[in-house]
Amino acid sequence: MWKLIVGFIAFAALALYILTKSGGNIDLSGEKHDVTAGHEPAASAAVEAASGPASAASQ
């Protein structure tokens, strides 16, 4: 059983090493939430963009 755990840790370390050296964008700091940006303008812009082609097609 301990061999499986050691093998998994070695494989994970190798994968992280290869991804960082190949230019992969790895961020191990956790989730990031942008609390400074407002959600309402983006939501209303998406609604306007979605309703624009639908109203043009109905004419």
N, C-alpha and C. Protein backbone atom coordinates (compact mmCIF):
# COMPACT_ATOMS: atom_id res chain seq x y z
N MET A 1 0.82 -1.19 0.00
CA MET A 1 0.00 0.00 0.00
C MET A 1 0.87 1.26 0.00
N TRP A 2 1.93 1.24 0.77
CA TRP A 2 2.77 2.42 0.83
C TRP A 2 3.45 2.68 -0.51
N LYS A 3 3.65 1.61 -1.30
CA LYS A 3 4.26 1.79 -2.62
C LYS A 3 3.34 2.57 -3.55
N LEU A 4 2.04 2.35 -3.44
CA LEU A 4 1.08 3.10 -4.25
C LEU A 4 1.10 4.59 -3.89
N ILE A 5 1.17 4.87 -2.61
CA ILE A 5 1.19 6.27 -2.17
C ILE A 5 2.47 6.96 -2.64
N VAL A 6 3.60 6.30 -2.49
CA VAL A 6 4.88 6.87 -2.94
C VAL A 6 4.87 7.04 -4.46
N GLY A 7 4.33 6.08 -5.18
CA GLY A 7 4.25 6.18 -6.63
C GLY A 7 3.37 7.33 -7.07
N PHE A 8 2.25 7.53 -6.39
CA PHE A 8 1.36 8.64 -6.73
C PHE A 8 2.04 9.98 -6.48
N ILE A 9 2.72 10.10 -5.35
CA ILE A 9 3.41 11.36 -5.04
C ILE A 9 4.51 11.63 -6.06
N ALA A 10 5.25 10.60 -6.45
CA ALA A 10 6.31 10.76 -7.45
C ALA A 10 5.72 11.16 -8.80
N PHE A 11 4.62 10.53 -9.18
CA PHE A 11 3.98 10.87 -10.45
C PHE A 11 3.45 12.29 -10.45
N ALA A 12 2.82 12.70 -9.34
CA ALA A 12 2.30 14.06 -9.25
C ALA A 12 3.42 15.09 -9.30
N ALA A 13 4.53 14.81 -8.62
CA ALA A 13 5.67 15.73 -8.64
C ALA A 13 6.27 15.82 -10.04
N LEU A 14 6.38 14.70 -10.72
CA LEU A 14 6.90 14.70 -12.08
C LEU A 14 5.98 15.47 -13.02
N ALA A 15 4.67 15.28 -12.87
CA ALA A 15 3.71 16.00 -13.73
C ALA A 15 3.78 17.50 -13.50
N LEU A 16 3.85 17.93 -12.24
CA LEU A 16 3.97 19.36 -11.95
C LEU A 16 5.27 19.93 -12.50
N TYR A 17 6.36 19.18 -12.37
CA TYR A 17 7.65 19.65 -12.89
C TYR A 17 7.59 19.81 -14.41
N ILE A 18 7.04 18.85 -15.09
CA ILE A 18 6.96 18.92 -16.56
C ILE A 18 6.06 20.07 -17.00
N LEU A 19 4.92 20.25 -16.32
CA LEU A 19 4.02 21.33 -16.70
C LEU A 19 4.61 22.70 -16.45
N THR A 20 5.35 22.87 -15.36
CA THR A 20 5.95 24.18 -15.11
C THR A 20 7.09 24.46 -16.08
N LYS A 21 7.85 23.45 -16.45
CA LYS A 21 8.96 23.67 -17.37
C LYS A 21 8.49 23.85 -18.82
N SER A 22 7.31 23.32 -19.16
CA SER A 22 6.82 23.44 -20.53
C SER A 22 6.03 24.73 -20.75
N GLY A 23 5.91 25.55 -19.73
CA GLY A 23 5.22 26.82 -19.91
C GLY A 23 3.75 26.75 -19.55
N GLY A 24 3.31 25.72 -18.88
CA GLY A 24 1.92 25.62 -18.45
C GLY A 24 1.63 26.67 -17.40
N ASN A 25 0.44 27.22 -17.45
CA ASN A 25 0.05 28.25 -16.49
C ASN A 25 -0.53 27.57 -15.26
N ILE A 26 0.31 27.28 -14.29
CA ILE A 26 -0.11 26.57 -13.09
C ILE A 26 -0.17 27.56 -11.94
N ASP A 27 -1.33 27.61 -11.28
CA ASP A 27 -1.52 28.48 -10.13
C ASP A 27 -2.06 27.63 -8.99
N LEU A 28 -1.25 27.41 -7.98
CA LEU A 28 -1.63 26.57 -6.86
C LEU A 28 -2.14 27.37 -5.67
N SER A 29 -2.54 28.61 -5.90
CA SER A 29 -2.96 29.45 -4.78
C SER A 29 -4.45 29.36 -4.50
N GLY A 30 -5.19 28.55 -5.21
CA GLY A 30 -6.61 28.38 -4.94
C GLY A 30 -7.48 29.24 -5.84
N GLU A 31 -8.76 29.25 -5.52
CA GLU A 31 -9.71 30.01 -6.34
C GLU A 31 -9.54 31.50 -6.10
N LYS A 32 -9.78 32.25 -7.16
CA LYS A 32 -9.71 33.70 -7.06
C LYS A 32 -11.07 34.25 -7.47
N HIS A 33 -11.57 35.16 -6.66
CA HIS A 33 -12.85 35.80 -6.95
C HIS A 33 -12.63 37.30 -7.01
N ASP A 34 -13.05 37.90 -8.11
CA ASP A 34 -12.89 39.33 -8.29
C ASP A 34 -14.11 40.02 -7.69
N VAL A 35 -13.96 40.53 -6.47
CA VAL A 35 -15.08 41.17 -5.80
C VAL A 35 -15.20 42.64 -6.16
N THR A 36 -14.20 43.20 -6.85
CA THR A 36 -14.26 44.61 -7.21
C THR A 36 -15.09 44.83 -8.46
N ALA A 37 -15.21 43.85 -9.31
CA ALA A 37 -15.97 44.01 -10.54
C ALA A 37 -17.46 43.78 -10.26
N GLY A 38 -18.30 44.58 -10.87
CA GLY A 38 -19.73 44.42 -10.70
C GLY A 38 -20.27 43.35 -11.63
N HIS A 39 -21.27 42.65 -11.21
CA HIS A 39 -21.84 41.58 -12.02
C HIS A 39 -22.98 42.08 -12.89
N GLU A 40 -23.62 43.16 -12.51
CA GLU A 40 -24.80 43.64 -13.23
C GLU A 40 -24.48 44.12 -14.65
N PRO A 41 -23.45 44.93 -14.89
CA PRO A 41 -23.21 45.38 -16.27
C PRO A 41 -22.90 44.23 -17.23
N ALA A 42 -22.17 43.25 -16.76
CA ALA A 42 -21.85 42.12 -17.63
C ALA A 42 -23.10 41.31 -17.93
N ALA A 43 -23.97 41.14 -16.95
CA ALA A 43 -25.19 40.36 -17.16
C ALA A 43 -26.13 41.10 -18.10
N SER A 44 -26.26 42.41 -17.95
CA SER A 44 -27.16 43.16 -18.83
C SER A 44 -26.61 43.23 -20.26
N ALA A 45 -25.28 43.28 -20.40
CA ALA A 45 -24.69 43.28 -21.74
C ALA A 45 -24.92 41.95 -22.43
N ALA A 46 -24.86 40.85 -21.66
CA ALA A 46 -25.10 39.54 -22.25
C ALA A 46 -26.56 39.40 -22.68
N VAL A 47 -27.47 39.97 -21.90
CA VAL A 47 -28.90 39.90 -22.26
C VAL A 47 -29.15 40.73 -23.51
N GLU A 48 -28.54 41.91 -23.60
CA GLU A 48 -28.72 42.75 -24.79
C GLU A 48 -28.12 42.09 -26.03
N ALA A 49 -26.97 41.46 -25.88
CA ALA A 49 -26.33 40.79 -27.01
C ALA A 49 -27.17 39.61 -27.48
N ALA A 50 -27.76 38.90 -26.54
CA ALA A 50 -28.57 37.74 -26.90
C ALA A 50 -29.89 38.16 -27.52
N SER A 51 -30.46 39.28 -27.07
CA SER A 51 -31.76 39.70 -27.60
C SER A 51 -31.62 40.46 -28.92
N GLY A 52 -30.43 40.96 -29.23
CA GLY A 52 -30.23 41.73 -30.46
C GLY A 52 -30.50 40.89 -31.72
N PRO A 53 -29.83 39.77 -31.94
CA PRO A 53 -30.08 38.97 -33.14
C PRO A 53 -31.48 38.35 -33.18
N ALA A 54 -32.05 38.07 -32.03
CA ALA A 54 -33.39 37.47 -32.02
C ALA A 54 -34.43 38.47 -32.50
N SER A 55 -34.29 39.76 -32.12
CA SER A 55 -35.24 40.75 -32.55
C SER A 55 -35.05 41.07 -34.03
N ALA A 56 -33.82 40.99 -34.51
CA ALA A 56 -33.57 41.25 -35.94
C ALA A 56 -34.13 40.12 -36.79
N ALA A 57 -34.10 38.90 -36.29
CA ALA A 57 -34.62 37.77 -37.05
C ALA A 57 -36.12 37.78 -37.12
N SER A 58 -36.78 38.36 -36.13
CA SER A 58 -38.24 38.36 -36.13
C SER A 58 -38.80 39.41 -37.04
N GLN A 59 -38.01 40.36 -37.50
CA GLN A 59 -38.53 41.43 -38.37
C GLN A 59 -38.58 41.03 -39.80
